[in-house]
Amino acid sequence: MTIEIPIQSLEETQQLAEKIATRLQPQDVLTLEGDLGAGKTTFTQFLAKGLGVKRHVNSPTFTIMKQYEGRIPFNHLDVYRLADSDEDLGWDEIFYGDAATVVEWAQLIEPDLPAERLDITIKRIDENQRLFILTPIGERYTLLCEEIMR
């Protein structure tokens, strides 16, 4: 099952992110793929807002991971700098702890990702338009996608 959601504006991106955020639980993992400038960090900022995070959310490119407090704890990982690295940052503690987690550039740590997750690909159509492709892996994420499409 793959769901394609055409997005026409920043406001629609925010609506989608916040719709997902209201349904997130601890140990949920979302992966984000897309070219530079596709909107991965923007989507994550809106997701954090939907989780009630008060702090400014920006890409943790140089720190790899940032943690935030909201309705539930929230981890934001950008693993771009881990390309060609076999470093284990304690993935089990990150993915199976008490937080929901978003991973940008997740394909770089594919073997370390949980077997069940929601993969999100963002394709940039033009300045304002994006195509979000949601691929749920596992029953939890299939149900999550069904809920957000209602």
Protein backbone atom coordinates (compact mmCIF):
# COMPACT_ATOMS: atom_id res chain seq x y z
CA MET A 1 0.00 0.00 0.00
CA THR A 2 1.37 3.37 -1.02
CA ILE A 3 -0.51 6.63 -0.66
CA GLU A 4 0.25 9.65 -2.83
CA ILE A 5 -0.84 13.02 -1.48
CA PRO A 6 -0.45 16.05 -3.74
CA ILE A 7 0.29 19.17 -1.68
CA GLN A 8 -0.36 22.61 -3.18
CA SER A 9 0.87 24.90 -0.37
CA LEU A 10 2.77 25.27 2.86
CA GLU A 11 -0.57 25.30 4.67
CA GLU A 12 -1.46 21.87 3.25
CA THR A 13 1.95 20.56 4.35
CA GLN A 14 1.23 21.85 7.85
CA GLN A 15 -2.23 20.23 7.87
CA LEU A 16 -0.81 16.85 6.85
CA ALA A 17 2.03 17.00 9.40
CA GLU A 18 -0.27 18.02 12.22
CA LYS A 19 -2.79 15.32 11.28
CA ILE A 20 -0.03 12.72 11.57
CA ALA A 21 1.32 14.28 14.79
CA THR A 22 -2.00 13.94 16.63
CA ARG A 23 -1.82 10.18 16.07
CA LEU A 24 1.84 9.56 16.92
CA GLN A 25 2.78 7.37 19.86
CA PRO A 26 6.07 6.61 21.60
CA GLN A 27 8.28 4.32 19.47
CA ASP A 28 6.67 5.46 16.22
CA VAL A 29 9.29 5.97 13.52
CA LEU A 30 8.87 8.10 10.41
CA THR A 31 11.55 8.24 7.74
CA LEU A 32 11.84 11.20 5.39
CA GLU A 33 13.42 11.04 1.96
CA GLY A 34 13.67 13.77 -0.63
CA ASP A 35 16.18 15.95 -2.41
CA LEU A 36 17.71 18.97 -0.73
CA GLY A 37 15.00 21.62 -0.53
CA ALA A 38 12.13 19.15 -0.85
CA GLY A 39 10.77 20.15 2.55
CA LYS A 40 11.88 17.45 4.99
CA THR A 41 12.82 19.87 7.75
CA THR A 42 9.76 22.05 7.14
CA PHE A 43 7.52 18.98 7.44
CA THR A 44 9.35 18.02 10.65
CA GLN A 45 8.84 21.53 12.08
CA PHE A 46 5.10 21.27 11.45
CA LEU A 47 5.06 17.75 12.92
CA ALA A 48 6.79 19.04 16.06
CA LYS A 49 4.27 21.87 16.30
CA GLY A 50 1.49 19.29 16.11
CA LEU A 51 3.15 17.43 19.00
CA GLY A 52 3.14 20.60 21.07
CA VAL A 53 6.89 21.24 20.89
CA LYS A 54 7.52 24.86 21.91
CA ARG A 55 11.21 25.11 20.94
CA HIS A 56 12.36 26.04 17.44
CA VAL A 57 13.05 22.90 15.41
CA ASN A 58 15.87 22.95 12.88
CA SER A 59 17.88 20.31 11.09
CA PRO A 60 20.34 18.47 13.36
CA THR A 61 22.80 18.01 10.48
CA PHE A 62 25.91 18.57 12.58
CA THR A 63 24.67 17.01 15.81
CA ILE A 64 22.89 14.05 14.14
CA MET A 65 20.03 14.12 16.69
CA LYS A 66 18.00 16.66 18.63
CA GLN A 67 15.41 15.81 21.25
CA TYR A 68 12.30 17.82 22.07
CA GLU A 69 9.51 17.69 24.64
CA GLY A 70 5.91 17.87 23.57
CA ARG A 71 2.79 15.77 24.08
CA ILE A 72 5.27 12.89 23.83
CA PRO A 73 9.06 13.13 23.56
CA PHE A 74 10.25 13.66 19.99
CA ASN A 75 13.59 12.75 18.36
CA HIS A 76 14.68 14.42 15.13
CA LEU A 77 17.60 12.74 13.37
CA ASP A 78 19.45 13.87 10.27
CA VAL A 79 21.82 11.03 9.40
CA TYR A 80 23.22 12.58 6.23
CA ARG A 81 26.67 12.88 7.83
CA LEU A 82 26.67 9.14 8.62
CA ALA A 83 27.08 8.18 4.95
CA ASP A 84 29.82 5.54 4.66
CA SER A 85 29.87 5.11 8.45
CA ASP A 86 29.23 1.96 10.44
CA GLU A 87 28.71 3.92 13.64
CA ASP A 88 25.97 2.66 15.95
CA LEU A 89 24.54 5.57 17.91
CA GLY A 90 22.42 3.33 20.12
CA TRP A 91 19.64 2.82 17.62
CA ASP A 92 17.63 0.52 19.90
CA GLU A 93 17.48 3.15 22.65
CA ILE A 94 16.45 5.79 20.11
CA PHE A 95 13.84 3.78 18.21
CA TYR A 96 12.43 1.73 21.09
CA GLY A 97 12.50 4.34 23.85
CA ASP A 98 9.74 6.67 24.97
CA ALA A 99 9.86 9.05 21.98
CA ALA A 100 8.48 9.26 18.47
CA THR A 101 11.30 9.62 15.95
CA VAL A 102 11.74 11.26 12.55
CA VAL A 103 14.80 10.26 10.51
CA GLU A 104 15.94 12.38 7.56
CA TRP A 105 18.13 10.61 4.96
CA ALA A 106 17.09 7.29 6.49
CA GLN A 107 18.31 5.21 3.55
CA LEU A 108 21.84 5.77 4.88
CA ILE A 109 21.07 3.66 7.98
CA GLU A 110 18.58 1.26 6.36
CA PRO A 111 19.91 -1.89 8.15
CA ASP A 112 19.47 -0.18 11.53
CA LEU A 113 15.89 1.01 11.01
CA PRO A 114 12.98 -0.74 12.71
CA ALA A 115 11.26 -3.32 10.52
CA GLU A 116 7.97 -1.44 10.99
CA ARG A 117 7.77 2.29 10.25
CA LEU A 118 6.20 4.92 8.02
CA ASP A 119 8.40 5.86 5.07
CA ILE A 120 7.62 9.29 3.63
CA THR A 121 9.11 10.50 0.37
CA ILE A 122 8.71 14.16 -0.56
CA LYS A 123 9.02 15.07 -4.23
CA ARG A 124 9.37 18.73 -5.13
CA ILE A 125 7.13 19.59 -8.09
CA ASP A 126 7.73 23.35 -8.06
CA GLU A 127 8.18 26.21 -5.59
CA ASN A 128 4.92 25.45 -3.75
CA GLN A 129 3.81 22.00 -4.86
CA ARG A 130 5.02 18.72 -3.41
CA LEU A 131 4.02 15.11 -3.76
CA PHE A 132 4.08 13.20 -0.46
CA ILE A 133 4.36 9.44 -0.88
CA LEU A 134 3.51 7.51 2.28
CA THR A 135 4.55 3.88 2.49
CA PRO A 136 3.41 2.19 5.70
CA ILE A 137 5.43 -0.83 6.73
CA GLY A 138 3.54 -2.89 9.31
CA GLU A 139 -0.01 -2.96 10.61
CA ARG A 140 0.40 -0.02 13.01
CA TYR A 141 1.43 2.28 10.15
CA THR A 142 -1.18 0.94 7.74
CA LEU A 143 -3.84 1.85 10.32
CA LEU A 144 -2.18 5.25 10.87
CA CYS A 145 -2.37 5.99 7.13
CA GLU A 146 -6.01 4.88 6.98
CA GLU A 147 -6.81 7.26 9.85
CA ILE A 148 -5.12 10.27 8.28
CA MET A 149 -6.82 9.68 4.93
CA ARG A 150 -10.31 9.86 6.48
